[in-house]
Amino acid sequence: MATVFERVREVVVKQLKVGAEEVTPEANLVDDLRADSLDIVDLTIAIEEAFSEDAEFEIRDEDAENIHTVQDILDFLAGQGLS
């Protein structure tokens, strides 16, 4: 079974159309992965869908505002009991 990071990386690669090697925990979604505000919205929805079978959660707007890096996504998921 894939790790949470591997699953997040897969979603980020698909949503942002970047290479897997670019998706590191410290990668900034806007600066490094060239995401715009619409990309971030689509990414949060894709993360919710990708992990919907593991836990019931919603990435609220307040939470999304604090997500700037891949590590922020991982930290959010860990806070939902996914690690």
PDB file of N, CA and C in Angstrom:
ATOM      1  N   MET A   1       0.838  -1.188   0.000  1.00  0.00           N
ATOM      2  CA  MET A   1       0.000   0.000   0.000  1.00  0.00           C
ATOM      3  C   MET A   1       0.880   1.248   0.000  1.00  0.00           C
ATOM      4  N   ALA A   2       0.472   2.227  -0.750  1.00  0.00           N
ATOM      5  CA  ALA A   2       1.234   3.461  -0.876  1.00  0.00           C
ATOM      6  C   ALA A   2       1.164   4.272   0.416  1.00  0.00           C
ATOM      7  N   THR A   3       2.225   5.013   0.689  1.00  0.00           N
ATOM      8  CA  THR A   3       2.235   5.893   1.850  1.00  0.00           C
ATOM      9  C   THR A   3       1.345   7.105   1.573  1.00  0.00           C
ATOM     10  N   VAL A   4       1.027   7.852   2.621  1.00  0.00           N
ATOM     11  CA  VAL A   4       0.224   9.062   2.450  1.00  0.00           C
ATOM     12  C   VAL A   4       0.950  10.028   1.513  1.00  0.00           C
ATOM     13  N   PHE A   5       2.271  10.180   1.689  1.00  0.00           N
ATOM     14  CA  PHE A   5       3.032  11.073   0.810  1.00  0.00           C
ATOM     15  C   PHE A   5       2.926  10.637  -0.647  1.00  0.00           C
ATOM     16  N   GLU A   6       3.075   9.339  -0.896  1.00  0.00           N
ATOM     17  CA  GLU A   6       2.996   8.843  -2.271  1.00  0.00           C
ATOM     18  C   GLU A   6       1.616   9.112  -2.873  1.00  0.00           C
ATOM     19  N   ARG A   7       0.583   8.949  -2.071  1.00  0.00           N
ATOM     20  CA  ARG A   7      -0.771   9.204  -2.561  1.00  0.00           C
ATOM     21  C   ARG A   7      -0.986  10.688  -2.824  1.00  0.00           C
ATOM     22  N   VAL A   8      -0.502  11.544  -1.915  1.00  0.00           N
ATOM     23  CA  VAL A   8      -0.610  12.996  -2.117  1.00  0.00           C
ATOM     24  C   VAL A   8       0.173  13.394  -3.363  1.00  0.00           C
ATOM     25  N   ARG A   9       1.378  12.856  -3.508  1.00  0.00           N
ATOM     26  CA  ARG A   9       2.210  13.178  -4.675  1.00  0.00           C
ATOM     27  C   ARG A   9       1.476  12.812  -5.963  1.00  0.00           C
ATOM     28  N   GLU A  10       0.827  11.664  -5.982  1.00  0.00           N
ATOM     29  CA  GLU A  10       0.081  11.227  -7.161  1.00  0.00           C
ATOM     30  C   GLU A  10      -1.028  12.221  -7.515  1.00  0.00           C
ATOM     31  N   VAL A  11      -1.760  12.699  -6.500  1.00  0.00           N
ATOM     32  CA  VAL A  11      -2.835  13.664  -6.727  1.00  0.00           C
ATOM     33  C   VAL A  11      -2.260  14.988  -7.224  1.00  0.00           C
ATOM     34  N   VAL A  12      -1.177  15.452  -6.601  1.00  0.00           N
ATOM     35  CA  VAL A  12      -0.562  16.729  -6.995  1.00  0.00           C
ATOM     36  C   VAL A  12      -0.049  16.648  -8.426  1.00  0.00           C
ATOM     37  N   VAL A  13       0.603  15.559  -8.788  1.00  0.00           N
ATOM     38  CA  VAL A  13       1.117  15.380 -10.154  1.00  0.00           C
ATOM     39  C   VAL A  13      -0.026  15.446 -11.159  1.00  0.00           C
ATOM     40  N   LYS A  14      -1.104  14.739 -10.849  1.00  0.00           N
ATOM     41  CA  LYS A  14      -2.254  14.706 -11.765  1.00  0.00           C
ATOM     42  C   LYS A  14      -2.930  16.070 -11.873  1.00  0.00           C
ATOM     43  N   GLN A  15      -3.173  16.718 -10.744  1.00  0.00           N
ATOM     44  CA  GLN A  15      -3.902  17.987 -10.727  1.00  0.00           C
ATOM     45  C   GLN A  15      -3.091  19.146 -11.304  1.00  0.00           C
ATOM     46  N   LEU A  16      -1.806  19.205 -10.950  1.00  0.00           N
ATOM     47  CA  LEU A  16      -0.988  20.353 -11.351  1.00  0.00           C
ATOM     48  C   LEU A  16      -0.147  20.075 -12.593  1.00  0.00           C
ATOM     49  N   LYS A  17      -0.219  18.834 -13.067  1.00  0.00           N
ATOM     50  CA  LYS A  17       0.526  18.439 -14.273  1.00  0.00           C
ATOM     51  C   LYS A  17       2.011  18.777 -14.159  1.00  0.00           C
ATOM     52  N   VAL A  18       2.595  18.288 -13.062  1.00  0.00           N
ATOM     53  CA  VAL A  18       4.026  18.462 -12.814  1.00  0.00           C
ATOM     54  C   VAL A  18       4.669  17.089 -12.714  1.00  0.00           C
ATOM     55  N   GLY A  19       5.979  17.059 -12.777  1.00  0.00           N
ATOM     56  CA  GLY A  19       6.700  15.799 -12.648  1.00  0.00           C
ATOM     57  C   GLY A  19       6.739  15.345 -11.200  1.00  0.00           C
ATOM     58  N   ALA A  20       6.705  14.044 -10.990  1.00  0.00           N
ATOM     59  CA  ALA A  20       6.726  13.487  -9.633  1.00  0.00           C
ATOM     60  C   ALA A  20       7.967  13.934  -8.869  1.00  0.00           C
ATOM     61  N   GLU A  21       9.074  14.111  -9.577  1.00  0.00           N
ATOM     62  CA  GLU A  21      10.315  14.529  -8.918  1.00  0.00           C
ATOM     63  C   GLU A  21      10.229  15.947  -8.362  1.00  0.00           C
ATOM     64  N   GLU A  22       9.301  16.748  -8.872  1.00  0.00           N
ATOM     65  CA  GLU A  22       9.116  18.112  -8.377  1.00  0.00           C
ATOM     66  C   GLU A  22       8.328  18.158  -7.078  1.00  0.00           C
ATOM     67  N   VAL A  23       7.578  17.107  -6.798  1.00  0.00           N
ATOM     68  CA  VAL A  23       6.691  17.082  -5.638  1.00  0.00           C
ATOM     69  C   VAL A  23       7.444  16.519  -4.440  1.00  0.00           C
ATOM     70  N   THR A  24       7.984  17.429  -3.650  1.00  0.00           N
ATOM     71  CA  THR A  24       8.692  17.077  -2.422  1.00  0.00           C
ATOM     72  C   THR A  24       7.939  17.716  -1.261  1.00  0.00           C
ATOM     73  N   PRO A  25       8.164  17.260  -0.038  1.00  0.00           N
ATOM     74  CA  PRO A  25       7.447  17.867   1.092  1.00  0.00           C
ATOM     75  C   PRO A  25       7.625  19.381   1.181  1.00  0.00           C
ATOM     76  N   GLU A  26       8.801  19.870   0.851  1.00  0.00           N
ATOM     77  CA  GLU A  26       9.050  21.307   0.975  1.00  0.00           C
ATOM     78  C   GLU A  26       8.619  22.116  -0.248  1.00  0.00           C
ATOM     79  N   ALA A  27       8.125  21.466  -1.299  1.00  0.00           N
ATOM     80  CA  ALA A  27       7.710  22.170  -2.518  1.00  0.00           C
ATOM     81  C   ALA A  27       6.528  23.094  -2.222  1.00  0.00           C
ATOM     82  N   ASN A  28       6.675  24.359  -2.600  1.00  0.00           N
ATOM     83  CA  ASN A  28       5.606  25.344  -2.454  1.00  0.00           C
ATOM     84  C   ASN A  28       4.663  25.200  -3.645  1.00  0.00           C
ATOM     85  N   LEU A  29       3.380  25.098  -3.360  1.00  0.00           N
ATOM     86  CA  LEU A  29       2.406  24.845  -4.429  1.00  0.00           C
ATOM     87  C   LEU A  29       2.391  25.954  -5.471  1.00  0.00           C
ATOM     88  N   VAL A  30       2.518  27.195  -5.053  1.00  0.00           N
ATOM     89  CA  VAL A  30       2.476  28.326  -5.983  1.00  0.00           C
ATOM     90  C   VAL A  30       3.847  28.591  -6.595  1.00  0.00           C
ATOM     91  N   ASP A  31       4.843  28.770  -5.743  1.00  0.00           N
ATOM     92  CA  ASP A  31       6.171  29.168  -6.224  1.00  0.00           C
ATOM     93  C   ASP A  31       6.893  28.057  -6.979  1.00  0.00           C
ATOM     94  N   ASP A  32       6.845  26.838  -6.455  1.00  0.00           N
ATOM     95  CA  ASP A  32       7.601  25.737  -7.054  1.00  0.00           C
ATOM     96  C   ASP A  32       6.790  24.929  -8.074  1.00  0.00           C
ATOM     97  N   LEU A  33       5.500  24.757  -7.796  1.00  0.00           N
ATOM     98  CA  LEU A  33       4.670  23.894  -8.642  1.00  0.00           C
ATOM     99  C   LEU A  33       3.717  24.684  -9.539  1.00  0.00           C
ATOM    100  N   ARG A  34       3.828  26.003  -9.493  1.00  0.00           N
ATOM    101  CA  ARG A  34       3.131  26.901 -10.417  1.00  0.00           C
ATOM    102  C   ARG A  34       1.602  26.782 -10.372  1.00  0.00           C
ATOM    103  N   ALA A  35       1.060  26.558  -9.189  1.00  0.00           N
ATOM    104  CA  ALA A  35      -0.392  26.479  -9.029  1.00  0.00           C
ATOM    105  C   ALA A  35      -0.965  27.884  -8.876  1.00  0.00           C
ATOM    106  N   ASP A  36      -2.151  28.097  -9.448  1.00  0.00           N
ATOM    107  CA  ASP A  36      -2.856  29.351  -9.210  1.00  0.00           C
ATOM    108  C   ASP A  36      -4.008  29.074  -8.248  1.00  0.00           C
ATOM    109  N   SER A  37      -4.799  30.088  -7.942  1.00  0.00           N
ATOM    110  CA  SER A  37      -5.858  29.919  -6.937  1.00  0.00           C
ATOM    111  C   SER A  37      -6.881  28.862  -7.342  1.00  0.00           C
ATOM    112  N   LEU A  38      -7.216  28.786  -8.614  1.00  0.00           N
ATOM    113  CA  LEU A  38      -8.150  27.760  -9.078  1.00  0.00           C
ATOM    114  C   LEU A  38      -7.540  26.365  -8.937  1.00  0.00           C
ATOM    115  N   ASP A  39      -6.248  26.246  -9.239  1.00  0.00           N
ATOM    116  CA  ASP A  39      -5.555  24.963  -9.069  1.00  0.00           C
ATOM    117  C   ASP A  39      -5.616  24.506  -7.617  1.00  0.00           C
ATOM    118  N   ILE A  40      -5.467  25.439  -6.690  1.00  0.00           N
ATOM    119  CA  ILE A  40      -5.485  25.093  -5.261  1.00  0.00           C
ATOM    120  C   ILE A  40      -6.871  24.570  -4.870  1.00  0.00           C
ATOM    121  N   VAL A  41      -7.922  25.210  -5.363  1.00  0.00           N
ATOM    122  CA  VAL A  41      -9.289  24.743  -5.081  1.00  0.00           C
ATOM    123  C   VAL A  41      -9.476  23.332  -5.638  1.00  0.00           C
ATOM    124  N   ASP A  42      -9.078  23.133  -6.889  1.00  0.00           N
ATOM    125  CA  ASP A  42      -9.207  21.809  -7.510  1.00  0.00           C
ATOM    126  C   ASP A  42      -8.380  20.770  -6.755  1.00  0.00           C
ATOM    127  N   LEU A  43      -7.214  21.170  -6.300  1.00  0.00           N
ATOM    128  CA  LEU A  43      -6.336  20.253  -5.570  1.00  0.00           C
ATOM    129  C   LEU A  43      -6.969  19.849  -4.241  1.00  0.00           C
ATOM    130  N   THR A  44      -7.550  20.796  -3.519  1.00  0.00           N
ATOM    131  CA  THR A  44      -8.163  20.440  -2.237  1.00  0.00           C
ATOM    132  C   THR A  44      -9.328  19.477  -2.441  1.00  0.00           C
ATOM    133  N   ILE A  45     -10.110  19.690  -3.480  1.00  0.00           N
ATOM    134  CA  ILE A  45     -11.215  18.769  -3.783  1.00  0.00           C
ATOM    135  C   ILE A  45     -10.670  17.382  -4.128  1.00  0.00           C
ATOM    136  N   ALA A  46      -9.616  17.345  -4.929  1.00  0.00           N
ATOM    137  CA  ALA A  46      -9.016  16.063  -5.317  1.00  0.00           C
ATOM    138  C   ALA A  46      -8.438  15.326  -4.109  1.00  0.00           C
ATOM    139  N   ILE A  47      -7.848  16.067  -3.168  1.00  0.00           N
ATOM    140  CA  ILE A  47      -7.316  15.449  -1.944  1.00  0.00           C
ATOM    141  C   ILE A  47      -8.469  14.869  -1.127  1.00  0.00           C
ATOM    142  N   GLU A  48      -9.552  15.627  -0.987  1.00  0.00           N
ATOM    143  CA  GLU A  48     -10.721  15.118  -0.260  1.00  0.00           C
ATOM    144  C   GLU A  48     -11.220  13.822  -0.882  1.00  0.00           C
ATOM    145  N   GLU A  49     -11.324  13.804  -2.205  1.00  0.00           N
ATOM    146  CA  GLU A  49     -11.820  12.621  -2.905  1.00  0.00           C
ATOM    147  C   GLU A  49     -10.850  11.446  -2.780  1.00  0.00           C
ATOM    148  N   ALA A  50      -9.555  11.726  -2.897  1.00  0.00           N
ATOM    149  CA  ALA A  50      -8.554  10.660  -2.861  1.00  0.00           C
ATOM    150  C   ALA A  50      -8.510   9.956  -1.510  1.00  0.00           C
ATOM    151  N   PHE A  51      -8.843  10.686  -0.438  1.00  0.00           N
ATOM    152  CA  PHE A  51      -8.756  10.113   0.900  1.00  0.00           C
ATOM    153  C   PHE A  51     -10.125   9.872   1.528  1.00  0.00           C
ATOM    154  N   SER A  52     -11.194   9.983   0.733  1.00  0.00           N
ATOM    155  CA  SER A  52     -12.550   9.859   1.279  1.00  0.00           C
ATOM    156  C   SER A  52     -12.842   8.477   1.865  1.00  0.00           C
ATOM    157  N   GLU A  53     -12.181   7.461   1.370  1.00  0.00           N
ATOM    158  CA  GLU A  53     -12.418   6.117   1.899  1.00  0.00           C
ATOM    159  C   GLU A  53     -11.687   5.883   3.211  1.00  0.00           C
ATOM    160  N   ASP A  54     -10.659   6.711   3.480  1.00  0.00           N
ATOM    161  CA  ASP A  54      -9.846   6.542   4.687  1.00  0.00           C
ATOM    162  C   ASP A  54     -10.410   7.293   5.887  1.00  0.00           C
ATOM    163  N   ALA A  55     -10.968   8.450   5.636  1.00  0.00           N
ATOM    164  CA  ALA A  55     -11.492   9.278   6.728  1.00  0.00           C
ATOM    165  C   ALA A  55     -12.520  10.248   6.161  1.00  0.00           C
ATOM    166  N   GLU A  56     -13.456  10.609   6.999  1.00  0.00           N
ATOM    167  CA  GLU A  56     -14.483  11.577   6.611  1.00  0.00           C
ATOM    168  C   GLU A  56     -14.004  12.953   7.065  1.00  0.00           C
ATOM    169  N   PHE A  57     -13.681  13.820   6.126  1.00  0.00           N
ATOM    170  CA  PHE A  57     -13.239  15.164   6.461  1.00  0.00           C
ATOM    171  C   PHE A  57     -13.498  16.082   5.282  1.00  0.00           C
ATOM    172  N   GLU A  58     -13.424  17.358   5.588  1.00  0.00           N
ATOM    173  CA  GLU A  58     -13.579  18.383   4.562  1.00  0.00           C
ATOM    174  C   GLU A  58     -12.463  19.396   4.773  1.00  0.00           C
ATOM    175  N   ILE A  59     -11.844  19.825   3.698  1.00  0.00           N
ATOM    176  CA  ILE A  59     -10.840  20.880   3.795  1.00  0.00           C
ATOM    177  C   ILE A  59     -11.602  22.200   3.673  1.00  0.00           C
ATOM    178  N   ARG A  60     -11.827  22.835   4.820  1.00  0.00           N
ATOM    179  CA  ARG A  60     -12.553  24.104   4.841  1.00  0.00           C
ATOM    180  C   ARG A  60     -11.686  25.218   4.256  1.00  0.00           C
ATOM    181  N   ASP A  61     -12.326  26.315   3.882  1.00  0.00           N
ATOM    182  CA  ASP A  61     -11.599  27.455   3.313  1.00  0.00           C
ATOM    183  C   ASP A  61     -10.492  27.932   4.254  1.00  0.00           C
ATOM    184  N   GLU A  62     -10.793  27.960   5.560  1.00  0.00           N
ATOM    185  CA  GLU A  62      -9.794  28.401   6.542  1.00  0.00           C
ATOM    186  C   GLU A  62      -8.581  27.472   6.540  1.00  0.00           C
ATOM    187  N   ASP A  63      -8.837  26.180   6.369  1.00  0.00           N
ATOM    188  CA  ASP A  63      -7.739  25.210   6.314  1.00  0.00           C
ATOM    189  C   ASP A  63      -6.948  25.381   5.021  1.00  0.00           C
ATOM    190  N   ALA A  64      -7.650  25.556   3.923  1.00  0.00           N
ATOM    191  CA  ALA A  64      -6.995  25.687   2.617  1.00  0.00           C
ATOM    192  C   ALA A  64      -6.085  26.907   2.570  1.00  0.00           C
ATOM    193  N   GLU A  65      -6.473  27.973   3.279  1.00  0.00           N
ATOM    194  CA  GLU A  65      -5.649  29.185   3.309  1.00  0.00           C
ATOM    195  C   GLU A  65      -4.292  28.946   3.947  1.00  0.00           C
ATOM    196  N   ASN A  66      -4.184  27.913   4.774  1.00  0.00           N
ATOM    197  CA  ASN A  66      -2.930  27.601   5.461  1.00  0.00           C
ATOM    198  C   ASN A  66      -2.107  26.545   4.734  1.00  0.00           C
ATOM    199  N   ILE A  67      -2.578  26.105   3.591  1.00  0.00           N
ATOM    200  CA  ILE A  67      -1.848  25.094   2.825  1.00  0.00           C
ATOM    201  C   ILE A  67      -1.041  25.793   1.744  1.00  0.00           C
ATOM    202  N   HIS A  68       0.263  25.783   1.943  1.00  0.00           N
ATOM    203  CA  HIS A  68       1.176  26.431   1.000  1.00  0.00           C
ATOM    204  C   HIS A  68       2.176  25.452   0.391  1.00  0.00           C
ATOM    205  N   THR A  69       2.459  24.383   1.125  1.00  0.00           N
ATOM    206  CA  THR A  69       3.446  23.402   0.661  1.00  0.00           C
ATOM    207  C   THR A  69       2.836  22.002   0.688  1.00  0.00           C
ATOM    208  N   VAL A  70       3.523  21.073   0.083  1.00  0.00           N
ATOM    209  CA  VAL A  70       3.094  19.670   0.130  1.00  0.00           C
ATOM    210  C   VAL A  70       3.090  19.195   1.588  1.00  0.00           C
ATOM    211  N   GLN A  71       4.077  19.640   2.373  1.00  0.00           N
ATOM    212  CA  GLN A  71       4.126  19.261   3.791  1.00  0.00           C
ATOM    213  C   GLN A  71       2.889  19.753   4.532  1.00  0.00           C
ATOM    214  N   ASP A  72       2.374  20.926   4.164  1.00  0.00           N
ATOM    215  CA  ASP A  72       1.150  21.426   4.798  1.00  0.00           C
ATOM    216  C   ASP A  72      -0.020  20.469   4.541  1.00  0.00           C
ATOM    217  N   ILE A  73      -0.084  19.902   3.337  1.00  0.00           N
ATOM    218  CA  ILE A  73      -1.132  18.921   3.027  1.00  0.00           C
ATOM    219  C   ILE A  73      -0.953  17.696   3.915  1.00  0.00           C
ATOM    220  N   LEU A  74       0.287  17.224   4.020  1.00  0.00           N
ATOM    221  CA  LEU A  74       0.571  16.046   4.840  1.00  0.00           C
ATOM    222  C   LEU A  74       0.229  16.303   6.312  1.00  0.00           C
ATOM    223  N   ASP A  75       0.573  17.503   6.790  1.00  0.00           N
ATOM    224  CA  ASP A  75       0.266  17.855   8.184  1.00  0.00           C
ATOM    225  C   ASP A  75      -1.244  17.905   8.419  1.00  0.00           C
ATOM    226  N   PHE A  76      -1.981  18.471   7.450  1.00  0.00           N
ATOM    227  CA  PHE A  76      -3.433  18.520   7.567  1.00  0.00           C
ATOM    228  C   PHE A  76      -4.005  17.108   7.634  1.00  0.00           C
ATOM    229  N   LEU A  77      -3.545  16.240   6.752  1.00  0.00           N
ATOM    230  CA  LEU A  77      -4.045  14.857   6.724  1.00  0.00           C
ATOM    231  C   LEU A  77      -3.691  14.133   8.008  1.00  0.00           C
ATOM    232  N   ALA A  78      -2.489  14.384   8.551  1.00  0.00           N
ATOM    233  CA  ALA A  78      -2.097  13.768   9.820  1.00  0.00           C
ATOM    234  C   ALA A  78      -3.036  14.220  10.928  1.00  0.00           C
ATOM    235  N   GLY A  79      -3.459  15.479  10.886  1.00  0.00           N
ATOM    236  CA  GLY A  79      -4.404  15.992  11.863  1.00  0.00           C
ATOM    237  C   GLY A  79      -5.785  15.344  11.745  1.00  0.00           C
ATOM    238  N   GLN A  80      -6.048  14.743  10.590  1.00  0.00           N
ATOM    239  CA  GLN A  80      -7.306  14.027  10.371  1.00  0.00           C
ATOM    240  C   GLN A  80      -7.156  12.542  10.680  1.00  0.00           C
ATOM    241  N   GLY A  81      -5.985  12.161  11.189  1.00  0.00           N
ATOM    242  CA  GLY A  81      -5.745  10.773  11.550  1.00  0.00           C
ATOM    243  C   GLY A  81      -5.136   9.945  10.440  1.00  0.00           C
ATOM    244  N   LEU A  82      -4.703  10.593   9.372  1.00  0.00           N
ATOM    245  CA  LEU A  82      -4.084   9.885   8.243  1.00  0.00           C
ATOM    246  C   LEU A  82      -2.589  10.144   8.244  1.00  0.00           C
ATOM    247  N   SER A  83      -1.819   9.106   8.468  1.00  0.00           N
ATOM    248  CA  SER A  83      -0.366   9.295   8.434  1.00  0.00           C
ATOM    249  C   SER A  83       0.322   8.023   7.984  1.00  0.00           C
TER     250      SER A  83
END
